[in-house]
Amino acid sequence: MPATFLKMQALTCKTGENLSMKIITRMVQIVVLAVIWLNPLYAADYQHPAVNRLLQAPETPDGVVFEISSWDKNSWQWAAPLISSLHRQLKNKFPAIDVAIVSHGGEQFQLTRQRQQEQPQAIAQLAELVSEGVNLHVCGTHSSWKNVDPSEYIEIVDVAGSAPAQINDYIKLGYQHILIQKPL
């Protein structure tokens, strides 16, 4: 017996349009919207109290430096979308704002060439941020303690001499310091 579950009879409505095609088109639209809605890249914006305060401010801050120091196995899987969302919110309100990321926990070693394939989507998000002008730094001192040469990091990473000193340099330039932690 032939498969008939895909066979549709062409139905027409009063205007002469093919009703079956309208239904199929609407179903495809719903599926596409559901996929986009469920994809974390398109999920609702993350919230952070410090970013919310900046968004309420009438004047553009000089800049923002996001600090991350995490020891999760795949920190960038949650941190990259979070920072990307916060960056997007800031840029929507303050198009000229400068943004930097300073990493100095175990997560910085997830940005080495050897480990970049462990979190490809997160690395792609970070690369997009860097292409938009965000500076991404890791701690050179911490790297030296682990015998990781600066050349071992992926090309989007700048190895700062010291992450705390890099953060302080940004603060001296008027940047707002925002500590990024894993959402609950």
C-alpha atoms as a PDB file:
ATOM      1  CA  MET A   1       0.000   0.000   0.000  1.00  0.00           C
ATOM      2  CA  PRO A   2       1.516   3.364  -0.963  1.00  0.00           C
ATOM      3  CA  ALA A   3       2.258   5.965   1.689  1.00  0.00           C
ATOM      4  CA  THR A   4      -0.611   8.435   1.648  1.00  0.00           C
ATOM      5  CA  PHE A   5       0.133  10.427   4.783  1.00  0.00           C
ATOM      6  CA  LEU A   6       1.947  13.099   2.718  1.00  0.00           C
ATOM      7  CA  LYS A   7      -0.715  13.266   0.053  1.00  0.00           C
ATOM      8  CA  MET A   8      -2.816  16.411   0.378  1.00  0.00           C
ATOM      9  CA  GLN A   9      -5.816  17.381  -1.582  1.00  0.00           C
ATOM     10  CA  ALA A  10      -5.638  20.944  -2.828  1.00  0.00           C
ATOM     11  CA  LEU A  11      -8.260  22.955  -0.997  1.00  0.00           C
ATOM     12  CA  THR A  12      -9.211  26.393  -2.152  1.00  0.00           C
ATOM     13  CA  CYS A  13     -10.768  29.185  -0.190  1.00  0.00           C
ATOM     14  CA  LYS A  14     -13.294  31.753  -1.434  1.00  0.00           C
ATOM     15  CA  THR A  15     -10.561  33.936  -2.964  1.00  0.00           C
ATOM     16  CA  GLY A  16      -9.261  31.015  -4.996  1.00  0.00           C
ATOM     17  CA  GLU A  17      -6.014  30.681  -3.018  1.00  0.00           C
ATOM     18  CA  ASN A  18      -4.576  27.273  -2.306  1.00  0.00           C
ATOM     19  CA  LEU A  19      -5.529  26.730   1.341  1.00  0.00           C
ATOM     20  CA  SER A  20      -3.194  23.728   1.768  1.00  0.00           C
ATOM     21  CA  MET A  21      -0.179  25.859   0.841  1.00  0.00           C
ATOM     22  CA  LYS A  22      -1.284  28.603   3.214  1.00  0.00           C
ATOM     23  CA  ILE A  23      -1.470  26.077   6.052  1.00  0.00           C
ATOM     24  CA  ILE A  24       1.937  24.585   5.217  1.00  0.00           C
ATOM     25  CA  THR A  25       3.494  28.047   4.958  1.00  0.00           C
ATOM     26  CA  ARG A  26       2.047  29.043   8.339  1.00  0.00           C
ATOM     27  CA  MET A  27       3.309  25.805   9.933  1.00  0.00           C
ATOM     28  CA  VAL A  28       6.830  26.403   8.568  1.00  0.00           C
ATOM     29  CA  GLN A  29       6.764  29.959   9.936  1.00  0.00           C
ATOM     30  CA  ILE A  30       5.745  28.676  13.375  1.00  0.00           C
ATOM     31  CA  VAL A  31       8.514  26.051  13.382  1.00  0.00           C
ATOM     32  CA  VAL A  32      11.145  28.620  12.341  1.00  0.00           C
ATOM     33  CA  LEU A  33      10.005  31.041  15.047  1.00  0.00           C
ATOM     34  CA  ALA A  34      10.078  28.243  17.642  1.00  0.00           C
ATOM     35  CA  VAL A  35      13.631  27.283  16.659  1.00  0.00           C
ATOM     36  CA  ILE A  36      14.775  30.903  16.879  1.00  0.00           C
ATOM     37  CA  TRP A  37      12.995  31.414  20.188  1.00  0.00           C
ATOM     38  CA  LEU A  38      14.521  28.282  21.728  1.00  0.00           C
ATOM     39  CA  ASN A  39      18.047  29.010  20.445  1.00  0.00           C
ATOM     40  CA  PRO A  40      20.154  30.548  23.267  1.00  0.00           C
ATOM     41  CA  LEU A  41      21.703  33.008  20.816  1.00  0.00           C
ATOM     42  CA  TYR A  42      18.278  34.563  20.308  1.00  0.00           C
ATOM     43  CA  ALA A  43      16.968  34.106  23.828  1.00  0.00           C
ATOM     44  CA  ALA A  44      15.755  36.998  25.909  1.00  0.00           C
ATOM     45  CA  ASP A  45      18.441  39.367  27.059  1.00  0.00           C
ATOM     46  CA  TYR A  46      20.341  38.485  30.198  1.00  0.00           C
ATOM     47  CA  GLN A  47      20.010  40.900  33.076  1.00  0.00           C
ATOM     48  CA  HIS A  48      22.789  42.218  35.291  1.00  0.00           C
ATOM     49  CA  PRO A  49      22.161  44.815  38.028  1.00  0.00           C
ATOM     50  CA  ALA A  50      25.239  46.887  37.142  1.00  0.00           C
ATOM     51  CA  VAL A  51      24.329  46.930  33.443  1.00  0.00           C
ATOM     52  CA  ASN A  52      20.731  47.818  34.308  1.00  0.00           C
ATOM     53  CA  ARG A  53      22.000  50.814  36.332  1.00  0.00           C
ATOM     54  CA  LEU A  54      24.144  51.945  33.396  1.00  0.00           C
ATOM     55  CA  LEU A  55      21.201  51.589  31.019  1.00  0.00           C
ATOM     56  CA  GLN A  56      19.169  53.898  33.267  1.00  0.00           C
ATOM     57  CA  ALA A  57      21.919  56.535  33.298  1.00  0.00           C
ATOM     58  CA  PRO A  58      21.357  59.605  31.108  1.00  0.00           C
ATOM     59  CA  GLU A  59      24.995  59.844  30.004  1.00  0.00           C
ATOM     60  CA  THR A  60      27.196  57.399  28.136  1.00  0.00           C
ATOM     61  CA  PRO A  61      29.788  55.769  30.410  1.00  0.00           C
ATOM     62  CA  ASP A  62      33.402  55.982  29.230  1.00  0.00           C
ATOM     63  CA  GLY A  63      33.411  52.220  28.880  1.00  0.00           C
ATOM     64  CA  VAL A  64      32.730  48.891  30.555  1.00  0.00           C
ATOM     65  CA  VAL A  65      35.202  46.211  31.563  1.00  0.00           C
ATOM     66  CA  PHE A  66      33.700  42.786  32.187  1.00  0.00           C
ATOM     67  CA  GLU A  67      35.760  40.661  34.560  1.00  0.00           C
ATOM     68  CA  ILE A  68      35.420  36.894  34.580  1.00  0.00           C
ATOM     69  CA  SER A  69      37.231  34.486  36.859  1.00  0.00           C
ATOM     70  CA  SER A  70      35.574  31.098  36.732  1.00  0.00           C
ATOM     71  CA  TRP A  71      36.710  27.543  37.154  1.00  0.00           C
ATOM     72  CA  ASP A  72      33.826  25.847  35.342  1.00  0.00           C
ATOM     73  CA  LYS A  73      34.880  23.234  32.809  1.00  0.00           C
ATOM     74  CA  ASN A  74      33.127  25.086  29.953  1.00  0.00           C
ATOM     75  CA  SER A  75      32.806  28.616  31.320  1.00  0.00           C
ATOM     76  CA  TRP A  76      32.513  30.288  27.948  1.00  0.00           C
ATOM     77  CA  GLN A  77      29.364  28.317  27.100  1.00  0.00           C
ATOM     78  CA  TRP A  78      27.476  30.471  29.606  1.00  0.00           C
ATOM     79  CA  ALA A  79      29.776  33.510  29.737  1.00  0.00           C
ATOM     80  CA  ALA A  80      29.973  34.262  26.003  1.00  0.00           C
ATOM     81  CA  PRO A  81      26.176  34.466  25.479  1.00  0.00           C
ATOM     82  CA  LEU A  82      25.786  36.447  28.704  1.00  0.00           C
ATOM     83  CA  ILE A  83      28.486  38.981  27.789  1.00  0.00           C
ATOM     84  CA  SER A  84      27.213  39.146  24.213  1.00  0.00           C
ATOM     85  CA  SER A  85      23.715  39.963  25.458  1.00  0.00           C
ATOM     86  CA  LEU A  86      24.964  42.604  27.909  1.00  0.00           C
ATOM     87  CA  HIS A  87      27.187  44.106  25.190  1.00  0.00           C
ATOM     88  CA  ARG A  88      24.227  44.283  22.796  1.00  0.00           C
ATOM     89  CA  GLN A  89      22.074  46.018  25.420  1.00  0.00           C
ATOM     90  CA  LEU A  90      24.807  48.563  26.133  1.00  0.00           C
ATOM     91  CA  LYS A  91      25.457  49.217  22.428  1.00  0.00           C
ATOM     92  CA  ASN A  92      21.747  49.703  21.754  1.00  0.00           C
ATOM     93  CA  LYS A  93      21.608  52.498  24.341  1.00  0.00           C
ATOM     94  CA  PHE A  94      25.176  53.810  23.961  1.00  0.00           C
ATOM     95  CA  PRO A  95      26.447  53.067  20.414  1.00  0.00           C
ATOM     96  CA  ALA A  96      29.863  54.632  21.068  1.00  0.00           C
ATOM     97  CA  ILE A  97      30.613  52.774  24.331  1.00  0.00           C
ATOM     98  CA  ASP A  98      33.912  50.885  24.569  1.00  0.00           C
ATOM     99  CA  VAL A  99      33.821  47.387  26.057  1.00  0.00           C
ATOM    100  CA  ALA A 100      36.559  45.059  27.256  1.00  0.00           C
ATOM    101  CA  ILE A 101      36.616  41.553  28.728  1.00  0.00           C
ATOM    102  CA  VAL A 102      39.337  40.476  31.154  1.00  0.00           C
ATOM    103  CA  SER A 103      39.599  36.765  31.949  1.00  0.00           C
ATOM    104  CA  HIS A 104      41.879  35.519  34.709  1.00  0.00           C
ATOM    105  CA  GLY A 105      40.494  32.288  36.121  1.00  0.00           C
ATOM    106  CA  GLY A 106      40.698  28.778  34.771  1.00  0.00           C
ATOM    107  CA  GLU A 107      38.438  29.812  31.889  1.00  0.00           C
ATOM    108  CA  GLN A 108      41.286  31.748  30.277  1.00  0.00           C
ATOM    109  CA  PHE A 109      42.965  28.452  29.372  1.00  0.00           C
ATOM    110  CA  GLN A 110      39.831  27.443  27.439  1.00  0.00           C
ATOM    111  CA  LEU A 111      40.914  30.136  24.956  1.00  0.00           C
ATOM    112  CA  THR A 112      44.066  28.310  23.880  1.00  0.00           C
ATOM    113  CA  ARG A 113      44.446  26.914  20.372  1.00  0.00           C
ATOM    114  CA  GLN A 114      44.588  23.415  21.827  1.00  0.00           C
ATOM    115  CA  ARG A 115      41.159  23.769  23.488  1.00  0.00           C
ATOM    116  CA  GLN A 116      39.265  26.056  21.111  1.00  0.00           C
ATOM    117  CA  GLN A 117      37.229  23.189  19.595  1.00  0.00           C
ATOM    118  CA  GLU A 118      35.722  22.310  22.986  1.00  0.00           C
ATOM    119  CA  GLN A 119      33.319  25.281  22.828  1.00  0.00           C
ATOM    120  CA  PRO A 120      33.079  26.328  19.163  1.00  0.00           C
ATOM    121  CA  GLN A 121      29.835  28.289  19.493  1.00  0.00           C
ATOM    122  CA  ALA A 122      31.179  30.257  22.456  1.00  0.00           C
ATOM    123  CA  ILE A 123      34.472  30.964  20.662  1.00  0.00           C
ATOM    124  CA  ALA A 124      32.492  32.164  17.631  1.00  0.00           C
ATOM    125  CA  GLN A 125      30.504  34.541  19.857  1.00  0.00           C
ATOM    126  CA  LEU A 126      33.722  35.900  21.369  1.00  0.00           C
ATOM    127  CA  ALA A 127      35.237  36.320  17.903  1.00  0.00           C
ATOM    128  CA  GLU A 128      32.140  38.270  16.850  1.00  0.00           C
ATOM    129  CA  LEU A 129      32.482  40.527  19.892  1.00  0.00           C
ATOM    130  CA  VAL A 130      36.155  41.147  19.090  1.00  0.00           C
ATOM    131  CA  SER A 131      35.243  41.932  15.471  1.00  0.00           C
ATOM    132  CA  GLU A 132      32.826  44.550  16.872  1.00  0.00           C
ATOM    133  CA  GLY A 133      35.654  46.236  18.775  1.00  0.00           C
ATOM    134  CA  VAL A 134      35.562  44.470  22.146  1.00  0.00           C
ATOM    135  CA  ASN A 135      39.019  43.858  23.643  1.00  0.00           C
ATOM    136  CA  LEU A 136      39.507  40.352  25.066  1.00  0.00           C
ATOM    137  CA  HIS A 137      42.373  39.969  27.542  1.00  0.00           C
ATOM    138  CA  VAL A 138      43.724  37.054  29.569  1.00  0.00           C
ATOM    139  CA  CYS A 139      46.207  37.159  32.430  1.00  0.00           C
ATOM    140  CA  GLY A 140      49.849  36.699  31.462  1.00  0.00           C
ATOM    141  CA  THR A 141      50.893  36.119  35.068  1.00  0.00           C
ATOM    142  CA  HIS A 142      48.419  33.269  35.468  1.00  0.00           C
ATOM    143  CA  SER A 143      49.582  31.901  32.104  1.00  0.00           C
ATOM    144  CA  SER A 144      53.197  31.901  33.304  1.00  0.00           C
ATOM    145  CA  TRP A 145      52.224  29.972  36.431  1.00  0.00           C
ATOM    146  CA  LYS A 146      50.728  27.267  34.182  1.00  0.00           C
ATOM    147  CA  ASN A 147      53.589  27.412  31.633  1.00  0.00           C
ATOM    148  CA  VAL A 148      51.228  28.589  28.877  1.00  0.00           C
ATOM    149  CA  ASP A 149      53.032  30.745  26.331  1.00  0.00           C
ATOM    150  CA  PRO A 150      51.127  33.761  24.932  1.00  0.00           C
ATOM    151  CA  SER A 151      51.435  32.233  21.434  1.00  0.00           C
ATOM    152  CA  GLU A 152      49.262  29.309  22.580  1.00  0.00           C
ATOM    153  CA  TYR A 153      46.148  31.503  22.768  1.00  0.00           C
ATOM    154  CA  ILE A 154      43.749  31.929  19.868  1.00  0.00           C
ATOM    155  CA  GLU A 155      44.281  35.022  17.727  1.00  0.00           C
ATOM    156  CA  ILE A 156      41.394  37.033  19.224  1.00  0.00           C
ATOM    157  CA  VAL A 157      43.056  37.066  22.663  1.00  0.00           C
ATOM    158  CA  ASP A 158      45.417  39.721  23.992  1.00  0.00           C
ATOM    159  CA  VAL A 159      47.669  38.459  26.786  1.00  0.00           C
ATOM    160  CA  ALA A 160      47.954  41.236  29.377  1.00  0.00           C
ATOM    161  CA  GLY A 161      50.872  41.245  31.785  1.00  0.00           C
ATOM    162  CA  SER A 162      48.488  41.068  34.725  1.00  0.00           C
ATOM    163  CA  ALA A 163      44.702  40.839  34.600  1.00  0.00           C
ATOM    164  CA  PRO A 164      44.142  42.823  37.822  1.00  0.00           C
ATOM    165  CA  ALA A 165      46.449  45.565  36.516  1.00  0.00           C
ATOM    166  CA  GLN A 166      44.606  45.543  33.164  1.00  0.00           C
ATOM    167  CA  ILE A 167      41.276  45.939  34.964  1.00  0.00           C
ATOM    168  CA  ASN A 168      42.694  48.799  37.050  1.00  0.00           C
ATOM    169  CA  ASP A 169      43.994  50.495  33.892  1.00  0.00           C
ATOM    170  CA  TYR A 170      40.476  50.400  32.441  1.00  0.00           C
ATOM    171  CA  ILE A 171      38.985  51.729  35.692  1.00  0.00           C
ATOM    172  CA  LYS A 172      41.507  54.617  35.639  1.00  0.00           C
ATOM    173  CA  LEU A 173      40.236  55.427  32.133  1.00  0.00           C
ATOM    174  CA  GLY A 174      36.723  55.748  33.553  1.00  0.00           C
ATOM    175  CA  TYR A 175      35.413  52.310  32.610  1.00  0.00           C
ATOM    176  CA  GLN A 176      32.752  50.730  34.792  1.00  0.00           C
ATOM    177  CA  HIS A 177      33.907  47.424  36.278  1.00  0.00           C
ATOM    178  CA  ILE A 178      31.350  44.608  36.072  1.00  0.00           C
ATOM    179  CA  LEU A 179      32.033  41.173  37.558  1.00  0.00           C
ATOM    180  CA  ILE A 180      30.488  38.363  35.506  1.00  0.00           C
ATOM    181  CA  GLN A 181      29.347  35.266  37.348  1.00  0.00           C
ATOM    182  CA  LYS A 182      27.502  32.160  36.233  1.00  0.00           C
ATOM    183  CA  PRO A 183      23.738  32.729  36.270  1.00  0.00           C
ATOM    184  CA  LEU A 184      21.823  30.638  38.760  1.00  0.00           C
END
